[in-house]
Amino acid sequence: AILDKFLAEDPYSRVAVETLVTTNSVVIAGEVRGPQSITHEVMEQ
C-alpha cells in the first residue's frame, strides 16, 4: 500500500519497504527515493 502511494505520486519512485506487525505494534522500515510529500505521517495513515 505504501509502494502504491509512491508510484501514484511519482511512477519512477524507488521503494524497498519492510513491515513488522505484532501485538499493538507496527514497525515500517526501509529505503525510498520519491516525493517528499509522502511523510512518515502519511505512511502511518
All heavy atoms as atom14 arrays in JSON, in Angstrom:
{
  "sequence": "AILDKFLAEDPYSRVAVETLVTTNSVVIAGEVRGPQSITHEVMEQ",
  "atom14_mask": [
    [1, 1, 1, 1, 1, 0, 0, 0, 0, 0, 0, 0, 0, 0],
    [1, 1, 1, 1, 1, 1, 1, 1, 0, 0, 0, 0, 0, 0],
    [1, 1, 1, 1, 1, 1, 1, 1, 0, 0, 0, 0, 0, 0],
    [1, 1, 1, 1, 1, 1, 1, 1, 0, 0, 0, 0, 0, 0],
    [1, 1, 1, 1, 1, 1, 1, 1, 1, 0, 0, 0, 0, 0],
    [1, 1, 1, 1, 1, 1, 1, 1, 1, 1, 1, 0, 0, 0],
    [1, 1, 1, 1, 1, 1, 1, 1, 0, 0, 0, 0, 0, 0],
    [1, 1, 1, 1, 1, 0, 0, 0, 0, 0, 0, 0, 0, 0],
    [1, 1, 1, 1, 1, 1, 1, 1, 1, 0, 0, 0, 0, 0],
    [1, 1, 1, 1, 1, 1, 1, 1, 0, 0, 0, 0, 0, 0],
    [1, 1, 1, 1, 1, 1, 1, 0, 0, 0, 0, 0, 0, 0],
    [1, 1, 1, 1, 1, 1, 1, 1, 1, 1, 1, 1, 0, 0],
    [1, 1, 1, 1, 1, 1, 0, 0, 0, 0, 0, 0, 0, 0],
    [1, 1, 1, 1, 1, 1, 1, 1, 1, 1, 1, 0, 0, 0],
    [1, 1, 1, 1, 1, 1, 1, 0, 0, 0, 0, 0, 0, 0],
    [1, 1, 1, 1, 1, 0, 0, 0, 0, 0, 0, 0, 0, 0],
    [1, 1, 1, 1, 1, 1, 1, 0, 0, 0, 0, 0, 0, 0],
    [1, 1, 1, 1, 1, 1, 1, 1, 1, 0, 0, 0, 0, 0],
    [1, 1, 1, 1, 1, 1, 1, 0, 0, 0, 0, 0, 0, 0],
    [1, 1, 1, 1, 1, 1, 1, 1, 0, 0, 0, 0, 0, 0],
    [1, 1, 1, 1, 1, 1, 1, 0, 0, 0, 0, 0, 0, 0],
    [1, 1, 1, 1, 1, 1, 1, 0, 0, 0, 0, 0, 0, 0],
    [1, 1, 1, 1, 1, 1, 1, 0, 0, 0, 0, 0, 0, 0],
    [1, 1, 1, 1, 1, 1, 1, 1, 0, 0, 0, 0, 0, 0],
    [1, 1, 1, 1, 1, 1, 0, 0, 0, 0, 0, 0, 0, 0],
    [1, 1, 1, 1, 1, 1, 1, 0, 0, 0, 0, 0, 0, 0],
    [1, 1, 1, 1, 1, 1, 1, 0, 0, 0, 0, 0, 0, 0],
    [1, 1, 1, 1, 1, 1, 1, 1, 0, 0, 0, 0, 0, 0],
    [1, 1, 1, 1, 1, 0, 0, 0, 0, 0, 0, 0, 0, 0],
    [1, 1, 1, 1, 0, 0, 0, 0, 0, 0, 0, 0, 0, 0],
    [1, 1, 1, 1, 1, 1, 1, 1, 1, 0, 0, 0, 0, 0],
    [1, 1, 1, 1, 1, 1, 1, 0, 0, 0, 0, 0, 0, 0],
    [1, 1, 1, 1, 1, 1, 1, 1, 1, 1, 1, 0, 0, 0],
    [1, 1, 1, 1, 0, 0, 0, 0, 0, 0, 0, 0, 0, 0],
    [1, 1, 1, 1, 1, 1, 1, 0, 0, 0, 0, 0, 0, 0],
    [1, 1, 1, 1, 1, 1, 1, 1, 1, 0, 0, 0, 0, 0],
    [1, 1, 1, 1, 1, 1, 0, 0, 0, 0, 0, 0, 0, 0],
    [1, 1, 1, 1, 1, 1, 1, 1, 0, 0, 0, 0, 0, 0],
    [1, 1, 1, 1, 1, 1, 1, 0, 0, 0, 0, 0, 0, 0],
    [1, 1, 1, 1, 1, 1, 1, 1, 1, 1, 0, 0, 0, 0],
    [1, 1, 1, 1, 1, 1, 1, 1, 1, 0, 0, 0, 0, 0],
    [1, 1, 1, 1, 1, 1, 1, 0, 0, 0, 0, 0, 0, 0],
    [1, 1, 1, 1, 1, 1, 1, 1, 0, 0, 0, 0, 0, 0],
    [1, 1, 1, 1, 1, 1, 1, 1, 1, 0, 0, 0, 0, 0],
    [1, 1, 1, 1, 1, 1, 1, 1, 1, 0, 0, 0, 0, 0]
  ],
  "atom14_positions": [
    [[0.85, -1.21, 0.0], [0.0, 0.0, 0.0], [0.88, 1.25, 0.0], [0.58, 2.24, -0.68], [-0.93, -0.01, 1.21], [0.0, 0.0, 0.0], [0.0, 0.0, 0.0], [0.0, 0.0, 0.0], [0.0, 0.0, 0.0], [0.0, 0.0, 0.0], [0.0, 0.0, 0.0], [0.0, 0.0, 0.0], [0.0, 0.0, 0.0], [0.0, 0.0, 0.0]],
    [[1.99, 1.2, 0.74], [2.93, 2.33, 0.75], [3.62, 2.46, -0.61], [3.75, 3.56, -1.16], [3.94, 2.17, 1.9], [3.22, 2.36, 3.24], [5.12, 3.15, 1.76], [4.03, 1.98, 4.47], [0.0, 0.0, 0.0], [0.0, 0.0, 0.0], [0.0, 0.0, 0.0], [0.0, 0.0, 0.0], [0.0, 0.0, 0.0], [0.0, 0.0, 0.0]],
    [[4.02, 1.32, -1.18], [4.6, 1.33, -2.53], [3.64, 1.98, -3.53], [4.04, 2.84, -4.33], [4.93, -0.1, -2.97], [5.27, -0.3, -4.46], [6.54, 0.46, -4.84], [5.42, -1.78, -4.78], [0.0, 0.0, 0.0], [0.0, 0.0, 0.0], [0.0, 0.0, 0.0], [0.0, 0.0, 0.0], [0.0, 0.0, 0.0], [0.0, 0.0, 0.0]],
    [[2.37, 1.59, -3.48], [1.37, 2.14, -4.41], [1.24, 3.66, -4.26], [1.07, 4.38, -5.25], [0.01, 1.48, -4.2], [-0.1, 0.11, -4.88], [0.82, -0.24, -5.64], [-1.11, -0.58, -4.65], [0.0, 0.0, 0.0], [0.0, 0.0, 0.0], [0.0, 0.0, 0.0], [0.0, 0.0, 0.0], [0.0, 0.0, 0.0], [0.0, 0.0, 0.0]],
    [[1.31, 4.15, -3.03], [1.23, 5.59, -2.79], [2.39, 6.31, -3.49], [2.2, 7.34, -4.16], [1.24, 5.88, -1.29], [1.22, 7.36, -0.92], [-0.08, 8.02, -1.34], [-0.16, 9.46, -0.8], [-1.32, 10.17, -1.4], [0.0, 0.0, 0.0], [0.0, 0.0, 0.0], [0.0, 0.0, 0.0], [0.0, 0.0, 0.0], [0.0, 0.0, 0.0]],
    [[3.6, 5.77, -3.35], [4.76, 6.38, -4.01], [4.6, 6.36, -5.54], [4.85, 7.36, -6.2], [6.05, 5.65, -3.6], [6.66, 6.2, -2.34], [6.38, 5.62, -1.11], [7.52, 7.29, -2.38], [6.94, 6.13, 0.06], [8.08, 7.8, -1.21], [7.79, 7.22, 0.01], [0.0, 0.0, 0.0], [0.0, 0.0, 0.0], [0.0, 0.0, 0.0]],
    [[4.18, 5.22, -6.09], [4.06, 5.11, -7.55], [2.92, 5.97, -8.09], [2.99, 6.45, -9.23], [3.87, 3.65, -7.96], [5.07, 2.73, -7.71], [4.72, 1.28, -8.02], [6.29, 3.17, -8.55], [0.0, 0.0, 0.0], [0.0, 0.0, 0.0], [0.0, 0.0, 0.0], [0.0, 0.0, 0.0], [0.0, 0.0, 0.0], [0.0, 0.0, 0.0]],
    [[1.89, 6.19, -7.28], [0.78, 7.06, -7.7], [1.26, 8.51, -7.81], [0.85, 9.26, -8.7], [-0.38, 6.95, -6.72], [0.0, 0.0, 0.0], [0.0, 0.0, 0.0], [0.0, 0.0, 0.0], [0.0, 0.0, 0.0], [0.0, 0.0, 0.0], [0.0, 0.0, 0.0], [0.0, 0.0, 0.0], [0.0, 0.0, 0.0], [0.0, 0.0, 0.0]],
    [[2.14, 8.91, -6.91], [2.66, 10.29, -6.89], [3.79, 10.47, -7.91], [3.9, 11.52, -8.53], [3.18, 10.65, -5.49], [2.15, 10.49, -4.39], [1.23, 11.69, -4.26], [1.7, 12.82, -4.46], [0.05, 11.49, -3.94], [0.0, 0.0, 0.0], [0.0, 0.0, 0.0], [0.0, 0.0, 0.0], [0.0, 0.0, 0.0], [0.0, 0.0, 0.0]],
    [[4.65, 9.45, -8.02], [5.78, 9.5, -8.96], [6.06, 8.08, -9.44], [6.57, 7.25, -8.69], [7.02, 10.08, -8.28], [8.26, 10.02, -9.19], [8.13, 9.59, -10.37], [9.35, 10.39, -8.73], [0.0, 0.0, 0.0], [0.0, 0.0, 0.0], [0.0, 0.0, 0.0], [0.0, 0.0, 0.0], [0.0, 0.0, 0.0], [0.0, 0.0, 0.0]],
    [[5.72, 7.78, -10.71], [5.86, 6.4, -11.22], [7.29, 5.87, -11.18], [7.49, 4.67, -11.3], [5.37, 6.5, -12.67], [4.61, 7.77, -12.76], [5.17, 8.69, -11.73], [0.0, 0.0, 0.0], [0.0, 0.0, 0.0], [0.0, 0.0, 0.0], [0.0, 0.0, 0.0], [0.0, 0.0, 0.0], [0.0, 0.0, 0.0], [0.0, 0.0, 0.0]],
    [[8.26, 6.77, -11.0], [9.67, 6.33, -11.01], [10.26, 6.32, -9.6], [11.48, 6.29, -9.44], [10.48, 7.2, -11.98], [9.89, 7.13, -13.36], [9.1, 8.17, -13.86], [10.06, 5.99, -14.15], [8.5, 8.06, -15.12], [9.47, 5.88, -15.4], [8.69, 6.92, -15.88], [8.1, 6.81, -17.11], [0.0, 0.0, 0.0], [0.0, 0.0, 0.0]],
    [[9.41, 6.34, -8.6], [9.88, 6.24, -7.21], [10.66, 4.94, -7.0], [10.36, 3.93, -7.65], [8.7, 6.23, -6.24], [8.0, 7.44, -6.28], [0.0, 0.0, 0.0], [0.0, 0.0, 0.0], [0.0, 0.0, 0.0], [0.0, 0.0, 0.0], [0.0, 0.0, 0.0], [0.0, 0.0, 0.0], [0.0, 0.0, 0.0], [0.0, 0.0, 0.0]],
    [[11.62, 4.99, -6.11], [12.34, 3.78, -5.69], [11.89, 3.45, -4.27], [11.97, 4.31, -3.38], [13.86, 4.01, -5.71], [14.41, 4.28, -7.09], [14.51, 2.96, -7.88], [14.63, 3.21, -9.31], [15.76, 3.59, -9.9], [16.85, 3.76, -9.21], [15.77, 3.77, -11.21], [0.0, 0.0, 0.0], [0.0, 0.0, 0.0], [0.0, 0.0, 0.0]],
    [[11.46, 2.23, -4.08], [10.88, 1.85, -2.79], [11.32, 0.45, -2.4], [11.28, -0.47, -3.22], [9.32, 1.89, -2.86], [8.7, 1.49, -1.52], [8.82, 3.26, -3.29], [0.0, 0.0, 0.0], [0.0, 0.0, 0.0], [0.0, 0.0, 0.0], [0.0, 0.0, 0.0], [0.0, 0.0, 0.0], [0.0, 0.0, 0.0], [0.0, 0.0, 0.0]],
    [[11.76, 0.31, -1.15], [12.0, -1.01, -0.56], [11.55, -0.91, 0.89], [12.29, -0.41, 1.75], [13.48, -1.39, -0.64], [0.0, 0.0, 0.0], [0.0, 0.0, 0.0], [0.0, 0.0, 0.0], [0.0, 0.0, 0.0], [0.0, 0.0, 0.0], [0.0, 0.0, 0.0], [0.0, 0.0, 0.0], [0.0, 0.0, 0.0], [0.0, 0.0, 0.0]],
    [[10.32, -1.31, 1.16], [9.72, -1.1, 2.47], [9.34, -2.43, 3.11], [8.61, -3.23, 2.52], [8.47, -0.18, 2.36], [7.7, -0.15, 3.67], [8.89, 1.24, 1.98], [0.0, 0.0, 0.0], [0.0, 0.0, 0.0], [0.0, 0.0, 0.0], [0.0, 0.0, 0.0], [0.0, 0.0, 0.0], [0.0, 0.0, 0.0], [0.0, 0.0, 0.0]],
    [[9.84, -2.65, 4.32], [9.55, -3.86, 5.09], [8.67, -3.5, 6.28], [8.85, -2.44, 6.89], [10.85, -4.5, 5.61], [11.96, -4.64, 4.58], [11.66, -5.64, 3.48], [10.72, -6.44, 3.64], [12.36, -5.62, 2.45], [0.0, 0.0, 0.0], [0.0, 0.0, 0.0], [0.0, 0.0, 0.0], [0.0, 0.0, 0.0], [0.0, 0.0, 0.0]],
    [[7.76, -4.4, 6.62], [6.85, -4.15, 7.74], [6.89, -5.31, 8.73], [7.0, -6.48, 8.31], [5.4, -3.97, 7.21], [5.39, -2.92, 6.25], [4.44, -3.63, 8.33], [0.0, 0.0, 0.0], [0.0, 0.0, 0.0], [0.0, 0.0, 0.0], [0.0, 0.0, 0.0], [0.0, 0.0, 0.0], [0.0, 0.0, 0.0], [0.0, 0.0, 0.0]],
    [[6.82, -4.98, 10.01], [6.68, -5.99, 11.08], [5.41, -5.67, 11.84], [5.16, -4.5, 12.17], [7.9, -5.93, 12.0], [7.89, -6.85, 13.24], [9.33, -7.27, 13.58], [7.28, -6.16, 14.47], [0.0, 0.0, 0.0], [0.0, 0.0, 0.0], [0.0, 0.0, 0.0], [0.0, 0.0, 0.0], [0.0, 0.0, 0.0], [0.0, 0.0, 0.0]],
    [[4.59, -6.68, 12.09], [3.37, -6.48, 12.88], [3.37, -7.45, 14.06], [3.71, -8.62, 13.91], [2.08, -6.65, 12.04], [1.99, -5.58, 10.97], [1.99, -8.03, 11.41], [0.0, 0.0, 0.0], [0.0, 0.0, 0.0], [0.0, 0.0, 0.0], [0.0, 0.0, 0.0], [0.0, 0.0, 0.0], [0.0, 0.0, 0.0], [0.0, 0.0, 0.0]],
    [[3.02, -6.93, 15.24], [2.89, -7.79, 16.43], [1.83, -7.16, 17.33], [1.16, -6.2, 16.93], [4.26, -7.98, 17.12], [4.11, -8.91, 18.19], [4.84, -6.67, 17.65], [0.0, 0.0, 0.0], [0.0, 0.0, 0.0], [0.0, 0.0, 0.0], [0.0, 0.0, 0.0], [0.0, 0.0, 0.0], [0.0, 0.0, 0.0], [0.0, 0.0, 0.0]],
    [[1.66, -7.67, 18.54], [0.63, -7.16, 19.43], [0.74, -5.65, 19.6], [1.8, -5.14, 19.99], [0.74, -7.85, 20.81], [0.74, -9.27, 20.61], [-0.41, -7.47, 21.72], [0.0, 0.0, 0.0], [0.0, 0.0, 0.0], [0.0, 0.0, 0.0], [0.0, 0.0, 0.0], [0.0, 0.0, 0.0], [0.0, 0.0, 0.0], [0.0, 0.0, 0.0]],
    [[-0.33, -4.95, 19.27], [-0.42, -3.49, 19.44], [0.71, -2.7, 18.78], [0.98, -1.57, 19.18], [-0.48, -3.13, 20.94], [-1.88, -3.33, 21.49], [-2.86, -3.11, 20.78], [-1.97, -3.76, 22.73], [0.0, 0.0, 0.0], [0.0, 0.0, 0.0], [0.0, 0.0, 0.0], [0.0, 0.0, 0.0], [0.0, 0.0, 0.0], [0.0, 0.0, 0.0]],
    [[1.38, -3.28, 17.79], [2.55, -2.59, 17.25], [2.8, -2.9, 15.78], [2.68, -4.05, 15.36], [3.77, -2.98, 18.09], [4.87, -2.19, 17.73], [0.0, 0.0, 0.0], [0.0, 0.0, 0.0], [0.0, 0.0, 0.0], [0.0, 0.0, 0.0], [0.0, 0.0, 0.0], [0.0, 0.0, 0.0], [0.0, 0.0, 0.0], [0.0, 0.0, 0.0]],
    [[3.17, -1.86, 15.03], [3.6, -2.0, 13.63], [4.9, -1.21, 13.47], [4.99, -0.06, 13.93], [2.54, -1.42, 12.66], [3.05, -1.45, 11.22], [1.22, -2.17, 12.77], [0.0, 0.0, 0.0], [0.0, 0.0, 0.0], [0.0, 0.0, 0.0], [0.0, 0.0, 0.0], [0.0, 0.0, 0.0], [0.0, 0.0, 0.0], [0.0, 0.0, 0.0]],
    [[5.9, -1.83, 12.87], [7.16, -1.13, 12.55], [7.34, -1.17, 11.04], [7.26, -2.24, 10.43], [8.38, -1.78, 13.25], [9.66, -1.03, 12.89], [8.18, -1.83, 14.76], [0.0, 0.0, 0.0], [0.0, 0.0, 0.0], [0.0, 0.0, 0.0], [0.0, 0.0, 0.0], [0.0, 0.0, 0.0], [0.0, 0.0, 0.0], [0.0, 0.0, 0.0]],
    [[7.57, -0.01, 10.43], [7.77, 0.1, 8.98], [9.17, 0.66, 8.76], [9.5, 1.74, 9.27], [6.72, 1.01, 8.34], [5.29, 0.51, 8.64], [6.92, 1.1, 6.83], [4.2, 1.52, 8.35], [0.0, 0.0, 0.0], [0.0, 0.0, 0.0], [0.0, 0.0, 0.0], [0.0, 0.0, 0.0], [0.0, 0.0, 0.0], [0.0, 0.0, 0.0]],
    [[10.01, -0.09, 8.04], [11.39, 0.34, 7.81], [11.74, 0.16, 6.34], [11.06, -0.58, 5.62], [12.35, -0.47, 8.69], [0.0, 0.0, 0.0], [0.0, 0.0, 0.0], [0.0, 0.0, 0.0], [0.0, 0.0, 0.0], [0.0, 0.0, 0.0], [0.0, 0.0, 0.0], [0.0, 0.0, 0.0], [0.0, 0.0, 0.0], [0.0, 0.0, 0.0]],
    [[12.82, 0.81, 5.9], [13.26, 0.62, 4.53], [13.82, 1.88, 3.92], [14.07, 2.87, 4.62], [0.0, 0.0, 0.0], [0.0, 0.0, 0.0], [0.0, 0.0, 0.0], [0.0, 0.0, 0.0], [0.0, 0.0, 0.0], [0.0, 0.0, 0.0], [0.0, 0.0, 0.0], [0.0, 0.0, 0.0], [0.0, 0.0, 0.0], [0.0, 0.0, 0.0]],
    [[14.02, 1.81, 2.6], [14.65, 2.9, 1.86], [13.72, 3.33, 0.73], [13.13, 2.48, 0.06], [15.98, 2.47, 1.23], [16.97, 1.87, 2.21], [16.65, 0.41, 2.54], [16.41, -0.39, 1.63], [16.63, 0.1, 3.75], [0.0, 0.0, 0.0], [0.0, 0.0, 0.0], [0.0, 0.0, 0.0], [0.0, 0.0, 0.0], [0.0, 0.0, 0.0]],
    [[13.63, 4.65, 0.53], [12.8, 5.18, -0.56], [13.52, 6.33, -1.25], [14.4, 6.97, -0.67], [11.42, 5.68, -0.06], [10.61, 4.54, 0.53], [11.59, 6.81, 0.96], [0.0, 0.0, 0.0], [0.0, 0.0, 0.0], [0.0, 0.0, 0.0], [0.0, 0.0, 0.0], [0.0, 0.0, 0.0], [0.0, 0.0, 0.0], [0.0, 0.0, 0.0]],
    [[13.15, 6.54, -2.51], [13.54, 7.77, -3.22], [12.31, 8.19, -3.99], [11.9, 7.52, -4.94], [14.71, 7.49, -4.15], [15.36, 8.76, -4.67], [16.69, 8.49, -5.33], [16.59, 7.47, -6.36], [17.37, 7.41, -7.44], [18.3, 8.3, -7.63], [17.24, 6.46, -8.32], [0.0, 0.0, 0.0], [0.0, 0.0, 0.0], [0.0, 0.0, 0.0]],
    [[11.66, 9.24, -3.52], [10.39, 9.65, -4.14], [9.91, 10.94, -3.54], [10.67, 11.64, -2.85], [0.0, 0.0, 0.0], [0.0, 0.0, 0.0], [0.0, 0.0, 0.0], [0.0, 0.0, 0.0], [0.0, 0.0, 0.0], [0.0, 0.0, 0.0], [0.0, 0.0, 0.0], [0.0, 0.0, 0.0], [0.0, 0.0, 0.0], [0.0, 0.0, 0.0]],
    [[8.64, 11.28, -3.76], [8.11, 12.58, -3.33], [8.27, 12.81, -1.82], [7.94, 11.94, -1.02], [6.63, 12.49, -3.7], [6.55, 11.44, -4.74], [7.63, 10.47, -4.44], [0.0, 0.0, 0.0], [0.0, 0.0, 0.0], [0.0, 0.0, 0.0], [0.0, 0.0, 0.0], [0.0, 0.0, 0.0], [0.0, 0.0, 0.0], [0.0, 0.0, 0.0]],
    [[8.78, 14.0, -1.48], [8.95, 14.37, -0.06], [7.6, 14.49, 0.64], [7.52, 14.42, 1.86], [9.7, 15.72, 0.04], [11.08, 15.73, -0.59], [12.07, 14.83, 0.15], [12.18, 14.89, 1.36], [12.77, 13.98, -0.59], [0.0, 0.0, 0.0], [0.0, 0.0, 0.0], [0.0, 0.0, 0.0], [0.0, 0.0, 0.0], [0.0, 0.0, 0.0]],
    [[6.54, 14.67, -0.15], [5.2, 14.84, 0.44], [4.71, 13.57, 1.14], [3.8, 13.61, 1.96], [4.2, 15.24, -0.65], [4.17, 14.26, -1.68], [0.0, 0.0, 0.0], [0.0, 0.0, 0.0], [0.0, 0.0, 0.0], [0.0, 0.0, 0.0], [0.0, 0.0, 0.0], [0.0, 0.0, 0.0], [0.0, 0.0, 0.0], [0.0, 0.0, 0.0]],
    [[5.32, 12.41, 0.79], [4.91, 11.16, 1.45], [5.75, 11.03, 2.73], [6.82, 10.41, 2.76], [5.07, 9.95, 0.51], [4.26, 10.2, -0.77], [4.58, 8.67, 1.21], [4.44, 9.16, -1.85], [0.0, 0.0, 0.0], [0.0, 0.0, 0.0], [0.0, 0.0, 0.0], [0.0, 0.0, 0.0], [0.0, 0.0, 0.0], [0.0, 0.0, 0.0]],
    [[5.25, 11.67, 3.76], [5.95, 11.75, 5.05], [5.7, 10.5, 5.88], [4.87, 9.64, 5.52], [5.44, 12.96, 5.84], [4.01, 12.78, 6.03], [5.68, 14.26, 5.08], [0.0, 0.0, 0.0], [0.0, 0.0, 0.0], [0.0, 0.0, 0.0], [0.0, 0.0, 0.0], [0.0, 0.0, 0.0], [0.0, 0.0, 0.0], [0.0, 0.0, 0.0]],
    [[6.37, 10.42, 7.02], [6.14, 9.32, 7.95], [4.68, 9.3, 8.41], [4.09, 8.22, 8.59], [7.07, 9.44, 9.16], [8.48, 9.02, 8.85], [9.45, 8.86, 9.82], [9.09, 8.7, 7.68], [10.59, 8.47, 9.25], [10.39, 8.37, 7.95], [0.0, 0.0, 0.0], [0.0, 0.0, 0.0], [0.0, 0.0, 0.0], [0.0, 0.0, 0.0]],
    [[4.08, 10.48, 8.56], [2.67, 10.57, 8.98], [1.75, 9.98, 7.91], [0.77, 9.29, 8.22], [2.27, 12.03, 9.28], [2.91, 12.64, 10.51], [4.41, 12.93, 10.35], [4.86, 13.14, 9.19], [5.11, 12.94, 11.37], [0.0, 0.0, 0.0], [0.0, 0.0, 0.0], [0.0, 0.0, 0.0], [0.0, 0.0, 0.0], [0.0, 0.0, 0.0]],
    [[2.08, 10.26, 6.64], [1.27, 9.71, 5.54], [1.38, 8.18, 5.53], [0.37, 7.47, 5.39], [1.74, 10.3, 4.18], [1.09, 9.55, 3.01], [1.42, 11.79, 4.1], [0.0, 0.0, 0.0], [0.0, 0.0, 0.0], [0.0, 0.0, 0.0], [0.0, 0.0, 0.0], [0.0, 0.0, 0.0], [0.0, 0.0, 0.0], [0.0, 0.0, 0.0]],
    [[2.6, 7.67, 5.72], [2.79, 6.21, 5.74], [2.05, 5.58, 6.92], [1.47, 4.49, 6.79], [4.29, 5.88, 5.82], [5.04, 6.24, 4.56], [6.77, 5.68, 4.64], [7.61, 7.13, 4.02], [0.0, 0.0, 0.0], [0.0, 0.0, 0.0], [0.0, 0.0, 0.0], [0.0, 0.0, 0.0], [0.0, 0.0, 0.0], [0.0, 0.0, 0.0]],
    [[2.05, 6.25, 8.05], [1.32, 5.74, 9.22], [-0.17, 5.63, 8.91], [-0.81, 4.62, 9.22], [1.54, 6.67, 10.43], [0.76, 6.2, 11.65], [0.88, 7.14, 12.86], [1.92, 7.81, 13.0], [-0.09, 7.2, 13.64], [0.0, 0.0, 0.0], [0.0, 0.0, 0.0], [0.0, 0.0, 0.0], [0.0, 0.0, 0.0], [0.0, 0.0, 0.0]],
    [[-0.72, 6.65, 8.26], [-2.15, 6.63, 7.93], [-2.47, 5.52, 6.93], [-3.5, 4.85, 7.04], [-2.59, 7.99, 7.37], [-4.11, 8.13, 7.25], [-4.84, 7.88, 8.57], [-4.5, 8.45, 9.6], [-5.85, 7.01, 8.55], [0.0, 0.0, 0.0], [0.0, 0.0, 0.0], [0.0, 0.0, 0.0], [0.0, 0.0, 0.0], [0.0, 0.0, 0.0]]
  ]
}
